């Protein structure tokens, strides 16, 4: 069923599984309790400190896991952009908490549908749009440091379990593999542009031990760092 306007309601759900999709986007904010959501590639356990966006046409199976109440925002396609085809599991930051508060206020004052809700719906749509990933930029700027999924996921306001799935969609590889590629690319530059020792280079790009660096480099390039340096010097 197509929607002609934004709808905001409080809803409760059964512990029985149900499966369907929507012709519109749907934003879920748990007010009490939680929900299990099964998607094609993953399962989500939606808890009170998080929100979840289901794009139009996303088939999902769901059930409540306890006594519950949710704030639901149904978003017609006209307030969404064509790029908003991915589900999003995000932490309730101060900004998202403020949005939830405004939705609750609007629901209490004017009911489930209003002009102001349409404006809020458009604002929410902008919040859901893809942007330059802060965590990916951070990796490139801080790859020699120890980086954790928890640390990186907080930068995108995503649940850690969802972040790895999201990251692979963005880059085609896991966070750990991506970080290693960035480190090894920098190692290749240092091998060819400096006379630093293998030990120094391995430390500079974030490896704890030269032996770990050498093993990773061989997997990545098919030859050892020493041979890579010699080959480059011969080519020059």
C-alpha atoms as a PDB file:
ATOM      1  CA  UNK A   1       0.000   0.000   0.000  1.00  0.00           C
ATOM      2  CA  UNK A   2       1.414   3.376  -1.038  1.00  0.00           C
ATOM      3  CA  UNK A   3       1.372   6.181   1.534  1.00  0.00           C
ATOM      4  CA  UNK A   4       0.393   9.751   0.724  1.00  0.00           C
ATOM      5  CA  UNK A   5       1.738  11.285   3.945  1.00  0.00           C
ATOM      6  CA  UNK A   6       4.039  10.634   6.898  1.00  0.00           C
ATOM      7  CA  UNK A   7       2.431   8.609   9.696  1.00  0.00           C
ATOM      8  CA  UNK A   8       3.742   8.555  13.264  1.00  0.00           C
ATOM      9  CA  UNK A   9       2.210   6.163  15.815  1.00  0.00           C
ATOM     10  CA  UNK A  10       2.923   4.241  18.979  1.00  0.00           C
ATOM     11  CA  UNK A  11       2.516   0.514  18.318  1.00  0.00           C
ATOM     12  CA  UNK A  12       2.898  -2.738  20.200  1.00  0.00           C
ATOM     13  CA  UNK A  13       3.855  -6.080  18.686  1.00  0.00           C
ATOM     14  CA  UNK A  14       3.182  -9.749  19.350  1.00  0.00           C
ATOM     15  CA  UNK A  15       5.744 -12.394  20.267  1.00  0.00           C
ATOM     16  CA  UNK A  16       4.497 -14.395  17.273  1.00  0.00           C
ATOM     17  CA  UNK A  17       6.599 -14.209  14.114  1.00  0.00           C
ATOM     18  CA  UNK A  18       5.196 -12.186  11.219  1.00  0.00           C
ATOM     19  CA  UNK A  19       6.681 -11.681   7.741  1.00  0.00           C
ATOM     20  CA  UNK A  20       5.969  -8.864   5.298  1.00  0.00           C
ATOM     21  CA  UNK A  21       7.413  -5.861   3.497  1.00  0.00           C
ATOM     22  CA  UNK A  22       6.226  -2.270   2.979  1.00  0.00           C
ATOM     23  CA  UNK A  23       5.831  -0.022  -0.048  1.00  0.00           C
ATOM     24  CA  UNK A  24       7.239   2.759   2.156  1.00  0.00           C
ATOM     25  CA  UNK A  25      10.149   3.273   4.512  1.00  0.00           C
ATOM     26  CA  UNK A  26       9.711   2.637   8.214  1.00  0.00           C
ATOM     27  CA  UNK A  27      11.636   4.008  11.173  1.00  0.00           C
ATOM     28  CA  UNK A  28      11.418   2.174  14.506  1.00  0.00           C
ATOM     29  CA  UNK A  29      12.266   3.619  17.922  1.00  0.00           C
ATOM     30  CA  UNK A  30      11.826   1.215  20.883  1.00  0.00           C
ATOM     31  CA  UNK A  31      10.185   2.999  23.819  1.00  0.00           C
ATOM     32  CA  UNK A  32       9.921  -0.163  25.902  1.00  0.00           C
ATOM     33  CA  UNK A  33      11.115  -3.711  25.313  1.00  0.00           C
ATOM     34  CA  UNK A  34      12.772  -5.048  22.188  1.00  0.00           C
ATOM     35  CA  UNK A  35      12.247  -6.773  18.859  1.00  0.00           C
ATOM     36  CA  UNK A  36      13.955  -9.469  16.826  1.00  0.00           C
ATOM     37  CA  UNK A  37      14.108  -8.652  13.107  1.00  0.00           C
ATOM     38  CA  UNK A  38      15.263 -11.259  10.586  1.00  0.00           C
ATOM     39  CA  UNK A  39      16.491  -9.972   7.242  1.00  0.00           C
ATOM     40  CA  UNK A  40      17.846 -11.857   4.240  1.00  0.00           C
ATOM     41  CA  UNK A  41      21.488 -11.635   5.319  1.00  0.00           C
ATOM     42  CA  UNK A  42      21.351 -10.949   9.059  1.00  0.00           C
ATOM     43  CA  UNK A  43      19.350 -10.779  12.262  1.00  0.00           C
ATOM     44  CA  UNK A  44      18.854  -7.599  14.271  1.00  0.00           C
ATOM     45  CA  UNK A  45      18.007  -7.430  17.972  1.00  0.00           C
ATOM     46  CA  UNK A  46      16.504  -3.974  18.330  1.00  0.00           C
ATOM     47  CA  UNK A  47      16.953  -2.544  21.822  1.00  0.00           C
ATOM     48  CA  UNK A  48      15.919   0.670  23.538  1.00  0.00           C
ATOM     49  CA  UNK A  49      19.183   2.547  22.922  1.00  0.00           C
ATOM     50  CA  UNK A  50      19.005   2.011  19.162  1.00  0.00           C
ATOM     51  CA  UNK A  51      16.794   2.795  16.199  1.00  0.00           C
ATOM     52  CA  UNK A  52      16.241   0.958  12.940  1.00  0.00           C
ATOM     53  CA  UNK A  53      15.283   2.009   9.416  1.00  0.00           C
ATOM     54  CA  UNK A  54      13.607  -0.420   7.002  1.00  0.00           C
ATOM     55  CA  UNK A  55      13.696   0.766   3.366  1.00  0.00           C
ATOM     56  CA  UNK A  56      10.751   0.233   1.009  1.00  0.00           C
ATOM     57  CA  UNK A  57      10.400  -3.338  -0.245  1.00  0.00           C
ATOM     58  CA  UNK A  58      12.626  -4.878   2.436  1.00  0.00           C
ATOM     59  CA  UNK A  59      11.182  -8.305   3.312  1.00  0.00           C
ATOM     60  CA  UNK A  60      11.571  -8.980   7.022  1.00  0.00           C
ATOM     61  CA  UNK A  61      10.391 -11.402   9.690  1.00  0.00           C
ATOM     62  CA  UNK A  62       9.922  -9.979  13.160  1.00  0.00           C
ATOM     63  CA  UNK A  63       8.559 -10.560  16.635  1.00  0.00           C
ATOM     64  CA  UNK A  64       8.631  -8.802  19.983  1.00  0.00           C
ATOM     65  CA  UNK A  65      10.983 -10.279  22.572  1.00  0.00           C
ATOM     66  CA  UNK A  66       9.200  -8.816  25.607  1.00  0.00           C
ATOM     67  CA  UNK A  67       6.413  -6.474  26.639  1.00  0.00           C
ATOM     68  CA  UNK A  68       6.887  -3.556  24.298  1.00  0.00           C
ATOM     69  CA  UNK A  69       5.950  -0.207  22.846  1.00  0.00           C
ATOM     70  CA  UNK A  70       7.513   1.353  19.753  1.00  0.00           C
ATOM     71  CA  UNK A  71       7.379   4.752  18.142  1.00  0.00           C
ATOM     72  CA  UNK A  72       6.914   4.030  14.434  1.00  0.00           C
ATOM     73  CA  UNK A  73       7.330   6.505  11.591  1.00  0.00           C
ATOM     74  CA  UNK A  74       6.065   5.405   8.173  1.00  0.00           C
ATOM     75  CA  UNK A  75       7.857   7.407   5.461  1.00  0.00           C
ATOM     76  CA  UNK A  76       6.310   7.636   1.963  1.00  0.00           C
ATOM     77  CA  UNK A  77       8.652   7.193  -0.974  1.00  0.00           C
ATOM     78  CA  UNK A  78       8.334  10.866  -1.919  1.00  0.00           C
ATOM     79  CA  UNK A  79      10.198  11.950   1.238  1.00  0.00           C
ATOM     80  CA  UNK A  80      12.967   9.400   0.632  1.00  0.00           C
ATOM     81  CA  UNK A  81      15.711   9.493  -1.979  1.00  0.00           C
ATOM     82  CA  UNK A  82      16.353   6.673  -4.492  1.00  0.00           C
ATOM     83  CA  UNK A  83      19.657   5.954  -2.705  1.00  0.00           C
ATOM     84  CA  UNK A  84      17.911   5.024   0.540  1.00  0.00           C
ATOM     85  CA  UNK A  85      17.633   1.317  -0.228  1.00  0.00           C
ATOM     86  CA  UNK A  86      19.663  -0.040   2.692  1.00  0.00           C
ATOM     87  CA  UNK A  87      18.458  -0.798   6.178  1.00  0.00           C
ATOM     88  CA  UNK A  88      20.209   1.120   8.959  1.00  0.00           C
ATOM     89  CA  UNK A  89      20.750   0.095  12.591  1.00  0.00           C
ATOM     90  CA  UNK A  90      21.927   3.149  14.529  1.00  0.00           C
ATOM     91  CA  UNK A  91      22.639   4.277  18.062  1.00  0.00           C
ATOM     92  CA  UNK A  92      20.353   6.901  19.580  1.00  0.00           C
ATOM     93  CA  UNK A  93      22.759   9.823  19.705  1.00  0.00           C
ATOM     94  CA  UNK A  94      21.714  13.172  21.166  1.00  0.00           C
ATOM     95  CA  UNK A  95      20.471  14.240  17.734  1.00  0.00           C
ATOM     96  CA  UNK A  96      18.414  11.096  17.153  1.00  0.00           C
ATOM     97  CA  UNK A  97      17.056  11.333  20.713  1.00  0.00           C
ATOM     98  CA  UNK A  98      15.993  14.923  19.990  1.00  0.00           C
ATOM     99  CA  UNK A  99      14.264  13.782  16.784  1.00  0.00           C
ATOM    100  CA  UNK A 100      12.406  11.090  18.720  1.00  0.00           C
ATOM    101  CA  UNK A 101      11.339  13.697  21.294  1.00  0.00           C
ATOM    102  CA  UNK A 102      10.001  16.013  18.565  1.00  0.00           C
ATOM    103  CA  UNK A 103       8.074  13.128  17.011  1.00  0.00           C
ATOM    104  CA  UNK A 104       6.505  12.238  20.353  1.00  0.00           C
ATOM    105  CA  UNK A 105       5.586  15.884  20.952  1.00  0.00           C
ATOM    106  CA  UNK A 106       4.039  16.195  17.501  1.00  0.00           C
ATOM    107  CA  UNK A 107       2.131  12.949  17.987  1.00  0.00           C
ATOM    108  CA  UNK A 108       0.734  14.162  21.299  1.00  0.00           C
ATOM    109  CA  UNK A 109      -0.196  17.627  20.029  1.00  0.00           C
ATOM    110  CA  UNK A 110      -1.545  17.001  16.531  1.00  0.00           C
ATOM    111  CA  UNK A 111      -2.041  13.263  16.094  1.00  0.00           C
ATOM    112  CA  UNK A 112      -0.628  10.647  13.756  1.00  0.00           C
ATOM    113  CA  UNK A 113      -0.398  12.824  10.643  1.00  0.00           C
ATOM    114  CA  UNK A 114       0.260  16.538  10.175  1.00  0.00           C
ATOM    115  CA  UNK A 115       2.118  19.053   8.029  1.00  0.00           C
ATOM    116  CA  UNK A 116       4.837  19.331  10.661  1.00  0.00           C
ATOM    117  CA  UNK A 117       5.296  15.563  10.532  1.00  0.00           C
ATOM    118  CA  UNK A 118       5.943  15.858   6.800  1.00  0.00           C
ATOM    119  CA  UNK A 119       8.702  18.395   7.499  1.00  0.00           C
ATOM    120  CA  UNK A 120      10.134  16.091  10.165  1.00  0.00           C
ATOM    121  CA  UNK A 121       9.932  13.202   7.715  1.00  0.00           C
ATOM    122  CA  UNK A 122      12.000  15.113   5.167  1.00  0.00           C
ATOM    123  CA  UNK A 123      14.539  16.009   7.843  1.00  0.00           C
ATOM    124  CA  UNK A 124      14.778  12.366   8.905  1.00  0.00           C
ATOM    125  CA  UNK A 125      15.296  11.403   5.265  1.00  0.00           C
ATOM    126  CA  UNK A 126      18.317  13.727   5.104  1.00  0.00           C
ATOM    127  CA  UNK A 127      19.691  12.145   8.281  1.00  0.00           C
ATOM    128  CA  UNK A 128      19.407   8.715   6.661  1.00  0.00           C
ATOM    129  CA  UNK A 129      21.229   9.719   3.484  1.00  0.00           C
ATOM    130  CA  UNK A 130      24.673   8.315   2.825  1.00  0.00           C
ATOM    131  CA  UNK A 131      27.581  10.651   3.453  1.00  0.00           C
ATOM    132  CA  UNK A 132      31.347  10.439   3.544  1.00  0.00           C
ATOM    133  CA  UNK A 133      32.014   7.750   6.110  1.00  0.00           C
ATOM    134  CA  UNK A 134      33.788   9.299   9.055  1.00  0.00           C
ATOM    135  CA  UNK A 135      35.157   5.959  10.247  1.00  0.00           C
ATOM    136  CA  UNK A 136      36.760   5.176   6.871  1.00  0.00           C
ATOM    137  CA  UNK A 137      38.436   8.570   6.818  1.00  0.00           C
ATOM    138  CA  UNK A 138      39.590   7.950  10.389  1.00  0.00           C
ATOM    139  CA  UNK A 139      41.179   4.638   9.358  1.00  0.00           C
ATOM    140  CA  UNK A 140      43.245   6.395   6.691  1.00  0.00           C
ATOM    141  CA  UNK A 141      44.374   9.030   9.180  1.00  0.00           C
ATOM    142  CA  UNK A 142      45.089   6.703  12.136  1.00  0.00           C
ATOM    143  CA  UNK A 143      45.891   3.286  10.629  1.00  0.00           C
ATOM    144  CA  UNK A 144      49.144   2.859  12.642  1.00  0.00           C
ATOM    145  CA  UNK A 145      47.073   2.927  15.853  1.00  0.00           C
ATOM    146  CA  UNK A 146      45.073   0.066  17.320  1.00  0.00           C
ATOM    147  CA  UNK A 147      41.550   0.384  15.909  1.00  0.00           C
ATOM    148  CA  UNK A 148      38.533  -1.504  17.255  1.00  0.00           C
ATOM    149  CA  UNK A 149      35.091  -2.222  15.824  1.00  0.00           C
ATOM    150  CA  UNK A 150      33.518  -0.581  18.876  1.00  0.00           C
ATOM    151  CA  UNK A 151      35.512   2.606  18.302  1.00  0.00           C
ATOM    152  CA  UNK A 152      34.776   2.759  14.566  1.00  0.00           C
ATOM    153  CA  UNK A 153      31.085   1.856  14.873  1.00  0.00           C
ATOM    154  CA  UNK A 154      30.513   4.722  17.319  1.00  0.00           C
ATOM    155  CA  UNK A 155      31.708   7.176  14.660  1.00  0.00           C
ATOM    156  CA  UNK A 156      28.864   6.058  12.380  1.00  0.00           C
ATOM    157  CA  UNK A 157      26.372   5.705  15.268  1.00  0.00           C
ATOM    158  CA  UNK A 158      25.887   2.035  14.358  1.00  0.00           C
ATOM    159  CA  UNK A 159      25.566  -1.045  16.502  1.00  0.00           C
ATOM    160  CA  UNK A 160      28.947  -2.879  16.448  1.00  0.00           C
ATOM    161  CA  UNK A 161      27.323  -6.058  15.096  1.00  0.00           C
ATOM    162  CA  UNK A 162      25.775  -4.128  12.206  1.00  0.00           C
ATOM    163  CA  UNK A 163      28.855  -1.989  11.511  1.00  0.00           C
ATOM    164  CA  UNK A 164      30.908  -4.818   9.970  1.00  0.00           C
ATOM    165  CA  UNK A 165      28.055  -5.661   7.594  1.00  0.00           C
ATOM    166  CA  UNK A 166      27.620  -1.990   6.671  1.00  0.00           C
ATOM    167  CA  UNK A 167      31.381  -1.561   6.212  1.00  0.00           C
ATOM    168  CA  UNK A 168      31.598  -4.486   3.791  1.00  0.00           C
ATOM    169  CA  UNK A 169      28.798  -2.957   1.718  1.00  0.00           C
ATOM    170  CA  UNK A 170      30.778   0.285   1.502  1.00  0.00           C
ATOM    171  CA  UNK A 171      34.224  -1.156   0.744  1.00  0.00           C
ATOM    172  CA  UNK A 172      33.784  -4.779  -0.344  1.00  0.00           C
ATOM    173  CA  UNK A 173      35.848  -6.074   2.571  1.00  0.00           C
ATOM    174  CA  UNK A 174      35.767  -6.416   6.346  1.00  0.00           C
ATOM    175  CA  UNK A 175      37.131  -3.600   8.557  1.00  0.00           C
ATOM    176  CA  UNK A 176      40.133  -5.733   9.578  1.00  0.00           C
ATOM    177  CA  UNK A 177      41.020  -6.538   5.959  1.00  0.00           C
ATOM    178  CA  UNK A 178      40.572  -2.912   4.902  1.00  0.00           C
ATOM    179  CA  UNK A 179      42.826  -1.661   7.708  1.00  0.00           C
ATOM    180  CA  UNK A 180      45.483  -4.195   6.753  1.00  0.00           C
ATOM    181  CA  UNK A 181      45.332  -3.115   3.100  1.00  0.00           C
ATOM    182  CA  UNK A 182      45.788   0.530   4.103  1.00  0.00           C
ATOM    183  CA  UNK A 183      48.770  -0.396   6.277  1.00  0.00           C
ATOM    184  CA  UNK A 184      50.383  -2.512   3.574  1.00  0.00           C
ATOM    185  CA  UNK A 185      49.876   0.148   0.903  1.00  0.00           C
ATOM    186  CA  UNK A 186      51.747   2.593   3.116  1.00  0.00           C
ATOM    187  CA  UNK A 187      54.427  -0.046   3.734  1.00  0.00           C
ATOM    188  CA  UNK A 188      54.925  -0.390  -0.030  1.00  0.00           C
ATOM    189  CA  UNK A 189      55.447   3.357  -0.281  1.00  0.00           C
ATOM    190  CA  UNK A 190      57.993   3.341   2.547  1.00  0.00           C
ATOM    191  CA  UNK A 191      59.821   0.363   1.042  1.00  0.00           C
ATOM    192  CA  UNK A 192      60.247   2.149  -2.269  1.00  0.00           C
ATOM    193  CA  UNK A 193      60.760   5.739  -1.116  1.00  0.00           C
ATOM    194  CA  UNK A 194      62.875   5.316   2.033  1.00  0.00           C
ATOM    195  CA  UNK A 195      65.791   3.243   3.265  1.00  0.00           C
ATOM    196  CA  UNK A 196      64.102   2.453   6.588  1.00  0.00           C
ATOM    197  CA  UNK A 197      64.552  -1.064   7.921  1.00  0.00           C
ATOM    198  CA  UNK A 198      61.796  -3.679   7.725  1.00  0.00           C
ATOM    199  CA  UNK A 199      61.422  -3.490  11.507  1.00  0.00           C
ATOM    200  CA  UNK A 200      61.013   0.292  11.428  1.00  0.00           C
ATOM    201  CA  UNK A 201      58.475   0.152   8.603  1.00  0.00           C
ATOM    202  CA  UNK A 202      56.445  -2.590  10.277  1.00  0.00           C
ATOM    203  CA  UNK A 203      56.218  -0.455  13.428  1.00  0.00           C
ATOM    204  CA  UNK A 204      55.364   2.713  11.517  1.00  0.00           C
ATOM    205  CA  UNK A 205      52.408   1.133   9.719  1.00  0.00           C
ATOM    206  CA  UNK A 206      50.925  -0.489  12.825  1.00  0.00           C
ATOM    207  CA  UNK A 207      52.255  -4.054  13.080  1.00  0.00           C
ATOM    208  CA  UNK A 208      53.394  -5.282  16.491  1.00  0.00           C
ATOM    209  CA  UNK A 209      56.064  -7.620  15.118  1.00  0.00           C
ATOM    210  CA  UNK A 210      58.168  -7.657  11.927  1.00  0.00           C
ATOM    211  CA  UNK A 211      57.292 -11.338  11.448  1.00  0.00           C
ATOM    212  CA  UNK A 212      53.553 -10.505  11.411  1.00  0.00           C
ATOM    213  CA  UNK A 213      54.221  -7.737   8.916  1.00  0.00           C
ATOM    214  CA  UNK A 214      56.226 -10.040   6.637  1.00  0.00           C
ATOM    215  CA  UNK A 215      53.536 -12.748   6.654  1.00  0.00           C
ATOM    216  CA  UNK A 216      50.808 -10.218   5.855  1.00  0.00           C
ATOM    217  CA  UNK A 217      52.905  -8.630   3.106  1.00  0.00           C
ATOM    218  CA  UNK A 218      53.561 -11.997   1.439  1.00  0.00           C
ATOM    219  CA  UNK A 219      49.826 -12.799   1.506  1.00  0.00           C
ATOM    220  CA  UNK A 220      49.059  -9.385   0.012  1.00  0.00           C
ATOM    221  CA  UNK A 221      51.825  -9.100  -2.617  1.00  0.00           C
ATOM    222  CA  UNK A 222      53.025 -12.668  -3.109  1.00  0.00           C
ATOM    223  CA  UNK A 223      56.630 -11.731  -2.281  1.00  0.00           C
ATOM    224  CA  UNK A 224      58.503 -10.640   0.841  1.00  0.00           C
ATOM    225  CA  UNK A 225      59.069  -6.957   1.713  1.00  0.00           C
ATOM    226  CA  UNK A 226      62.798  -7.405   1.039  1.00  0.00           C
ATOM    227  CA  UNK A 227      62.140  -8.831  -2.427  1.00  0.00           C
ATOM    228  CA  UNK A 228      59.586  -6.104  -3.164  1.00  0.00           C
ATOM    229  CA  UNK A 229      62.187  -3.446  -2.351  1.00  0.00           C
ATOM    230  CA  UNK A 230      64.865  -5.144  -4.483  1.00  0.00           C
ATOM    231  CA  UNK A 231      62.463  -5.528  -7.409  1.00  0.00           C
ATOM    232  CA  UNK A 232      61.506  -1.870  -7.290  1.00  0.00           C
ATOM    233  CA  UNK A 233      65.141  -0.766  -7.089  1.00  0.00           C
ATOM    234  CA  UNK A 234      65.974  -2.911 -10.131  1.00  0.00           C
ATOM    235  CA  UNK A 235      63.064  -1.408 -12.054  1.00  0.00           C
ATOM    236  CA  UNK A 236      64.356   2.087 -11.295  1.00  0.00           C
END
